[in-house]
C-alpha atoms as a PDB file:
ATOM      1  CA  MET A   1      -4.480  66.867 -87.181  1.00  0.00           C
ATOM      2  CA  GLY A   2      -5.802  70.350 -87.722  1.00  0.00           C
ATOM      3  CA  SER A   3      -9.329  71.750 -88.014  1.00  0.00           C
ATOM      4  CA  PRO A   4     -12.280  69.518 -88.703  1.00  0.00           C
ATOM      5  CA  GLY A   5     -11.738  67.582 -91.977  1.00  0.00           C
ATOM      6  CA  ARG A   6     -10.715  64.120 -92.993  1.00  0.00           C
ATOM      7  CA  TYR A   7      -9.874  62.559 -89.638  1.00  0.00           C
ATOM      8  CA  ASP A   8      -8.943  65.903 -88.300  1.00  0.00           C
ATOM      9  CA  SER A   9      -8.859  67.300 -84.842  1.00  0.00           C
ATOM     10  CA  ALA A  10     -10.689  70.289 -83.729  1.00  0.00           C
ATOM     11  CA  ALA A  11      -8.349  70.022 -80.616  1.00  0.00           C
ATOM     12  CA  GLY A  12      -5.615  72.255 -82.047  1.00  0.00           C
ATOM     13  CA  ALA A  13      -8.011  75.168 -82.476  1.00  0.00           C
ATOM     14  CA  VAL A  14      -9.672  75.229 -79.137  1.00  0.00           C
ATOM     15  CA  HIS A  15      -7.471  75.010 -75.963  1.00  0.00           C
ATOM     16  CA  GLY A  16      -8.289  75.642 -72.256  1.00  0.00           C
ATOM     17  CA  GLN A  17     -11.978  74.794 -72.633  1.00  0.00           C
ATOM     18  CA  GLY A  18     -13.704  72.202 -70.503  1.00  0.00           C
ATOM     19  CA  GLN A  19     -13.764  68.585 -71.734  1.00  0.00           C
ATOM     20  CA  LEU A  20     -16.855  67.257 -73.275  1.00  0.00           C
ATOM     21  CA  PHE A  21     -17.310  64.519 -70.746  1.00  0.00           C
ATOM     22  CA  ASP A  22     -15.959  63.870 -67.249  1.00  0.00           C
ATOM     23  CA  THR A  23     -12.792  61.921 -67.880  1.00  0.00           C
ATOM     24  CA  ALA A  24     -11.924  60.816 -64.512  1.00  0.00           C
ATOM     25  CA  VAL A  25     -10.574  57.332 -65.345  1.00  0.00           C
ATOM     26  CA  SER A  26      -8.632  54.810 -63.397  1.00  0.00           C
ATOM     27  CA  PRO A  27      -4.793  54.309 -64.095  1.00  0.00           C
ATOM     28  CA  VAL A  28      -4.079  51.321 -66.299  1.00  0.00           C
ATOM     29  CA  PRO A  29      -1.387  48.816 -65.282  1.00  0.00           C
ATOM     30  CA  ASP A  30       1.292  48.525 -67.856  1.00  0.00           C
ATOM     31  CA  ASP A  31       2.212  44.944 -67.104  1.00  0.00           C
ATOM     32  CA  VAL A  32      -1.286  43.253 -67.550  1.00  0.00           C
ATOM     33  CA  GLY A  33      -2.480  41.777 -70.673  1.00  0.00           C
ATOM     34  CA  TYR A  34      -5.712  40.004 -71.948  1.00  0.00           C
ATOM     35  CA  ARG A  35      -5.807  36.971 -74.296  1.00  0.00           C
ATOM     36  CA  GLY A  36      -7.647  37.241 -77.585  1.00  0.00           C
ATOM     37  CA  PRO A  37     -10.981  35.622 -76.347  1.00  0.00           C
ATOM     38  CA  THR A  38     -10.995  38.047 -73.462  1.00  0.00           C
ATOM     39  CA  ALA A  39     -10.244  41.124 -75.632  1.00  0.00           C
ATOM     40  CA  CYS A  40     -12.903  39.952 -78.081  1.00  0.00           C
ATOM     41  CA  ASN A  41     -15.446  39.635 -75.256  1.00  0.00           C
ATOM     42  CA  ALA A  42     -14.692  43.191 -74.044  1.00  0.00           C
ATOM     43  CA  ALA A  43     -14.591  44.789 -77.345  1.00  0.00           C
ATOM     44  CA  GLY A  44     -17.711  42.965 -78.698  1.00  0.00           C
ATOM     45  CA  ILE A  45     -16.008  41.518 -81.787  1.00  0.00           C
ATOM     46  CA  THR A  46     -15.337  38.037 -83.194  1.00  0.00           C
ATOM     47  CA  TYR A  47     -11.993  36.202 -82.855  1.00  0.00           C
ATOM     48  CA  ARG A  48     -11.810  36.258 -86.654  1.00  0.00           C
ATOM     49  CA  GLN A  49     -12.043  40.037 -86.637  1.00  0.00           C
ATOM     50  CA  LEU A  50      -9.352  40.155 -83.879  1.00  0.00           C
ATOM     51  CA  ASP A  51      -6.981  37.956 -85.804  1.00  0.00           C
ATOM     52  CA  TYR A  52      -7.505  39.888 -89.107  1.00  0.00           C
ATOM     53  CA  TRP A  53      -6.950  43.183 -87.465  1.00  0.00           C
ATOM     54  CA  ALA A  54      -3.813  41.953 -85.839  1.00  0.00           C
ATOM     55  CA  ARG A  55      -2.429  40.409 -89.017  1.00  0.00           C
ATOM     56  CA  THR A  56      -3.124  43.557 -91.094  1.00  0.00           C
ATOM     57  CA  GLY A  57      -1.721  45.831 -88.390  1.00  0.00           C
ATOM     58  CA  LEU A  58      -4.974  47.664 -87.547  1.00  0.00           C
ATOM     59  CA  VAL A  59      -4.931  46.802 -83.975  1.00  0.00           C
ATOM     60  CA  GLU A  60      -1.856  44.800 -82.784  1.00  0.00           C
ATOM     61  CA  PRO A  61      -1.301  43.492 -79.285  1.00  0.00           C
ATOM     62  CA  THR A  62       1.149  45.590 -77.447  1.00  0.00           C
ATOM     63  CA  VAL A  63       1.830  43.380 -74.273  1.00  0.00           C
ATOM     64  CA  ARG A  64       2.830  40.381 -76.216  1.00  0.00           C
ATOM     65  CA  SER A  65       2.387  39.412 -79.955  1.00  0.00           C
ATOM     66  CA  ALA A  66       2.068  35.788 -81.097  1.00  0.00           C
ATOM     67  CA  LYS A  67       5.357  34.146 -81.937  1.00  0.00           C
ATOM     68  CA  GLY A  68       4.766  30.874 -83.624  1.00  0.00           C
ATOM     69  CA  SER A  69       2.210  28.054 -83.115  1.00  0.00           C
ATOM     70  CA  GLY A  70       0.642  27.927 -79.646  1.00  0.00           C
ATOM     71  CA  SER A  71       1.771  31.242 -78.433  1.00  0.00           C
ATOM     72  CA  GLN A  72      -0.766  33.590 -77.248  1.00  0.00           C
ATOM     73  CA  ARG A  73      -1.215  37.361 -77.985  1.00  0.00           C
ATOM     74  CA  LEU A  74      -1.727  39.574 -74.957  1.00  0.00           C
ATOM     75  CA  TYR A  75      -3.673  42.881 -75.518  1.00  0.00           C
ATOM     76  CA  SER A  76      -3.265  45.741 -73.284  1.00  0.00           C
ATOM     77  CA  PHE A  77      -6.247  47.697 -71.826  1.00  0.00           C
ATOM     78  CA  ARG A  78      -5.509  50.421 -74.389  1.00  0.00           C
ATOM     79  CA  ASP A  79      -5.530  47.807 -77.195  1.00  0.00           C
ATOM     80  CA  VAL A  80      -8.983  46.584 -76.050  1.00  0.00           C
ATOM     81  CA  LEU A  81     -10.194  50.223 -75.870  1.00  0.00           C
ATOM     82  CA  VAL A  82      -9.105  50.772 -79.446  1.00  0.00           C
ATOM     83  CA  LEU A  83     -10.710  47.566 -80.517  1.00  0.00           C
ATOM     84  CA  LYS A  84     -13.998  48.556 -79.154  1.00  0.00           C
ATOM     85  CA  ILE A  85     -13.742  52.040 -80.786  1.00  0.00           C
ATOM     86  CA  VAL A  86     -13.019  50.369 -84.149  1.00  0.00           C
ATOM     87  CA  LYS A  87     -16.009  48.152 -83.680  1.00  0.00           C
ATOM     88  CA  ARG A  88     -18.199  51.034 -83.037  1.00  0.00           C
ATOM     89  CA  LEU A  89     -16.903  52.899 -86.085  1.00  0.00           C
ATOM     90  CA  LEU A  90     -17.478  49.959 -88.286  1.00  0.00           C
ATOM     91  CA  ASP A  91     -21.036  49.509 -87.028  1.00  0.00           C
ATOM     92  CA  THR A  92     -21.795  53.047 -88.093  1.00  0.00           C
ATOM     93  CA  GLY A  93     -20.522  52.461 -91.699  1.00  0.00           C
ATOM     94  CA  VAL A  94     -17.195  54.280 -91.531  1.00  0.00           C
ATOM     95  CA  SER A  95     -14.657  53.022 -94.048  1.00  0.00           C
ATOM     96  CA  LEU A  96     -11.820  50.810 -92.992  1.00  0.00           C
ATOM     97  CA  GLN A  97      -9.486  53.408 -94.620  1.00  0.00           C
ATOM     98  CA  GLN A  98     -10.793  56.181 -92.263  1.00  0.00           C
ATOM     99  CA  ILE A  99     -10.692  53.822 -89.309  1.00  0.00           C
ATOM    100  CA  ARG A 100      -6.963  53.135 -90.053  1.00  0.00           C
ATOM    101  CA  GLN A 101      -6.278  56.792 -90.079  1.00  0.00           C
ATOM    102  CA  ALA A 102      -8.075  57.331 -86.806  1.00  0.00           C
ATOM    103  CA  VAL A 103      -6.375  54.344 -85.157  1.00  0.00           C
ATOM    104  CA  ASN A 104      -3.020  55.632 -86.252  1.00  0.00           C
ATOM    105  CA  HIS A 105      -3.814  58.981 -84.593  1.00  0.00           C
ATOM    106  CA  LEU A 106      -5.093  57.318 -81.439  1.00  0.00           C
ATOM    107  CA  ARG A 107      -1.723  55.294 -81.228  1.00  0.00           C
ATOM    108  CA  GLU A 108       0.132  58.566 -81.235  1.00  0.00           C
ATOM    109  CA  ARG A 109      -1.827  59.834 -78.165  1.00  0.00           C
ATOM    110  CA  GLY A 110      -1.156  58.780 -74.495  1.00  0.00           C
ATOM    111  CA  VAL A 111      -3.807  56.708 -72.638  1.00  0.00           C
ATOM    112  CA  GLU A 112      -4.683  59.605 -70.456  1.00  0.00           C
ATOM    113  CA  ASP A 113      -5.392  61.742 -73.543  1.00  0.00           C
ATOM    114  CA  LEU A 114      -7.785  59.244 -75.009  1.00  0.00           C
ATOM    115  CA  ALA A 115     -10.214  59.603 -72.208  1.00  0.00           C
ATOM    116  CA  GLY A 116     -10.833  63.290 -72.936  1.00  0.00           C
ATOM    117  CA  ILE A 117     -11.816  62.984 -76.584  1.00  0.00           C
ATOM    118  CA  THR A 118     -14.994  62.373 -78.545  1.00  0.00           C
ATOM    119  CA  LEU A 119     -14.790  60.974 -82.004  1.00  0.00           C
ATOM    120  CA  MET A 120     -17.484  62.334 -84.314  1.00  0.00           C
ATOM    121  CA  SER A 121     -18.492  61.131 -87.786  1.00  0.00           C
ATOM    122  CA  ASP A 122     -20.580  61.772 -90.617  1.00  0.00           C
ATOM    123  CA  GLY A 123     -20.243  58.198 -91.806  1.00  0.00           C
ATOM    124  CA  ALA A 124     -17.438  58.966 -94.207  1.00  0.00           C
ATOM    125  CA  SER A 125     -14.717  60.887 -92.215  1.00  0.00           C
ATOM    126  CA  VAL A 126     -13.825  60.830 -88.564  1.00  0.00           C
ATOM    127  CA  TYR A 127     -13.219  63.978 -86.482  1.00  0.00           C
ATOM    128  CA  GLU A 128     -11.699  64.349 -83.061  1.00  0.00           C
ATOM    129  CA  CYS A 129     -13.172  66.874 -80.508  1.00  0.00           C
ATOM    130  CA  THR A 130     -11.963  67.776 -77.046  1.00  0.00           C
ATOM    131  CA  SER A 131     -14.605  70.214 -76.055  1.00  0.00           C
ATOM    132  CA  ALA A 132     -18.301  70.895 -76.204  1.00  0.00           C
ATOM    133  CA  ASP A 133     -17.674  73.824 -78.379  1.00  0.00           C
ATOM    134  CA  GLU A 134     -15.825  71.751 -80.945  1.00  0.00           C
ATOM    135  CA  VAL A 135     -18.697  69.317 -81.071  1.00  0.00           C
ATOM    136  CA  VAL A 136     -21.174  72.138 -81.590  1.00  0.00           C
ATOM    137  CA  ASP A 137     -19.108  73.724 -84.360  1.00  0.00           C
ATOM    138  CA  LEU A 138     -18.843  70.359 -86.029  1.00  0.00           C
ATOM    139  CA  VAL A 139     -22.618  69.627 -85.867  1.00  0.00           C
ATOM    140  CA  GLN A 140     -23.417  73.097 -86.935  1.00  0.00           C
ATOM    141  CA  GLY A 141     -21.230  72.709 -89.977  1.00  0.00           C
ATOM    142  CA  GLY A 142     -23.236  69.542 -90.831  1.00  0.00           C
ATOM    143  CA  GLN A 143     -20.252  67.304 -90.355  1.00  0.00           C
ATOM    144  CA  GLY A 144     -21.028  65.324 -87.261  1.00  0.00           C
ATOM    145  CA  VAL A 145     -23.780  62.750 -87.252  1.00  0.00           C
ATOM    146  CA  PHE A 146     -22.752  60.568 -84.477  1.00  0.00           C
ATOM    147  CA  GLY A 147     -20.165  60.640 -81.649  1.00  0.00           C
ATOM    148  CA  ILE A 148     -18.172  58.246 -79.580  1.00  0.00           C
ATOM    149  CA  ALA A 149     -17.137  59.512 -76.193  1.00  0.00           C
ATOM    150  CA  VAL A 150     -13.806  57.707 -75.664  1.00  0.00           C
ATOM    151  CA  GLY A 151     -14.069  58.361 -71.789  1.00  0.00           C
ATOM    152  CA  ARG A 152     -17.408  56.385 -71.669  1.00  0.00           C
ATOM    153  CA  VAL A 153     -16.108  53.680 -73.729  1.00  0.00           C
ATOM    154  CA  TRP A 154     -13.082  53.565 -71.471  1.00  0.00           C
ATOM    155  CA  ARG A 155     -15.262  53.036 -68.505  1.00  0.00           C
ATOM    156  CA  GLU A 156     -17.426  50.318 -70.270  1.00  0.00           C
ATOM    157  CA  VAL A 157     -14.263  48.369 -71.266  1.00  0.00           C
ATOM    158  CA  GLU A 158     -12.933  48.776 -67.694  1.00  0.00           C
ATOM    159  CA  ALA A 159     -16.136  47.424 -66.223  1.00  0.00           C
ATOM    160  CA  THR A 160     -16.129  44.486 -68.502  1.00  0.00           C
ATOM    161  CA  LEU A 161     -12.390  43.543 -68.112  1.00  0.00           C
ATOM    162  CA  VAL A 162     -12.730  43.510 -64.180  1.00  0.00           C
ATOM    163  CA  GLU A 163     -14.973  40.439 -64.661  1.00  0.00           C
ATOM    164  CA  LEU A 164     -12.615  38.735 -67.097  1.00  0.00           C
ATOM    165  CA  PRO A 165      -9.087  37.051 -66.635  1.00  0.00           C
ATOM    166  CA  ALA A 166      -5.868  38.988 -67.117  1.00  0.00           C
ATOM    167  CA  GLU A 167      -2.355  37.931 -67.034  1.00  0.00           C
ATOM    168  CA  ARG A 168       1.209  39.237 -66.835  1.00  0.00           C
ATOM    169  CA  PRO A 169       3.468  38.639 -69.885  1.00  0.00           C
ATOM    170  CA  GLY A 170       5.884  36.243 -67.878  1.00  0.00           C
ATOM    171  CA  GLU A 171       2.978  33.879 -67.059  1.00  0.00           C
ATOM    172  CA  ASP A 172       3.243  32.315 -70.689  1.00  0.00           C
ATOM    173  CA  GLY A 173       3.613  28.817 -69.430  1.00  0.00           C
ATOM    174  CA  GLN A 174       0.906  28.857 -66.742  1.00  0.00           C
ATOM    175  CA  GLU A 175      -2.541  27.716 -67.385  1.00  0.00           C
ATOM    176  CA  HIS A 176      -5.120  30.333 -68.138  1.00  0.00           C
ATOM    177  CA  PRO A 177      -8.790  29.989 -66.722  1.00  0.00           C
ATOM    178  CA  GLY A 178     -11.095  29.463 -69.668  1.00  0.00           C
ATOM    179  CA  ASP A 179      -8.443  28.428 -72.131  1.00  0.00           C
ATOM    180  CA  GLN A 180     -10.362  25.846 -74.071  1.00  0.00           C
ATOM    181  CA  LEU A 181      -7.503  25.141 -76.425  1.00  0.00           C
ATOM    182  CA  ALA A 182      -5.195  24.203 -73.691  1.00  0.00           C
ATOM    183  CA  ALA A 183      -7.964  22.015 -72.007  1.00  0.00           C
ATOM    184  CA  ARG A 184      -8.458  20.233 -75.273  1.00  0.00           C
ATOM    185  CA  ARG A 185      -4.586  19.658 -75.686  1.00  0.00           C
ATOM    186  CA  ARG A 186      -4.422  18.232 -72.201  1.00  0.00           C
ATOM    187  CA  ALA A 187      -7.475  15.895 -72.704  1.00  0.00           C
ATOM    188  CA  ARG A 188      -5.823  14.618 -76.004  1.00  0.00           C
ATOM    189  CA  GLU A 189      -2.382  14.107 -74.430  1.00  0.00           C
ATOM    190  CA  ALA A 190      -3.991  12.271 -71.514  1.00  0.00           C
ATOM    191  CA  LYS A 191      -5.722   9.734 -73.762  1.00  0.00           C
ATOM    192  CA  PRO A 192      -3.790   6.416 -74.016  1.00  0.00           C
ATOM    193  CA  ALA A 193      -2.397   5.868 -77.541  1.00  0.00           C
END
């Protein structure tokens, strides 16, 4: 990632300047995951999108991937954050190819780094900015049309997930609140044959 261009970063060119937004974010626990329906709810996407993105490698669950029938994927906080960013980029008309490049770059960054960036786009390309000067340079160059402040999306996801169920990877066999499939299976098994 170099100077602004096809999913490029203005970050390499400007160091030591203030970040664009206040990035004070809460630490994220490593051992907590969110099931598909919870991730969908927090990211504002459909389960079909979530499943497709996982199967094509766009955004795969990092806490636990699905292994066979009946297993549940668990998405980390960071996964849900990236899902929401992907959704916002899609909503603004950015191509899936450009989004894949952006997601690959985001994967390479640490969670703390994500909160301090703003993704800008002209609808065709995605640019990364880490300071107000970078955003101004991009807009003055006619490249930035809209921006996504990742720190702000972080706080939105965090506020949503506080209200939703989470689990630890070792809790696989335990019942999950709101698991409609498990409830249907129990009801079917409880019926006399």
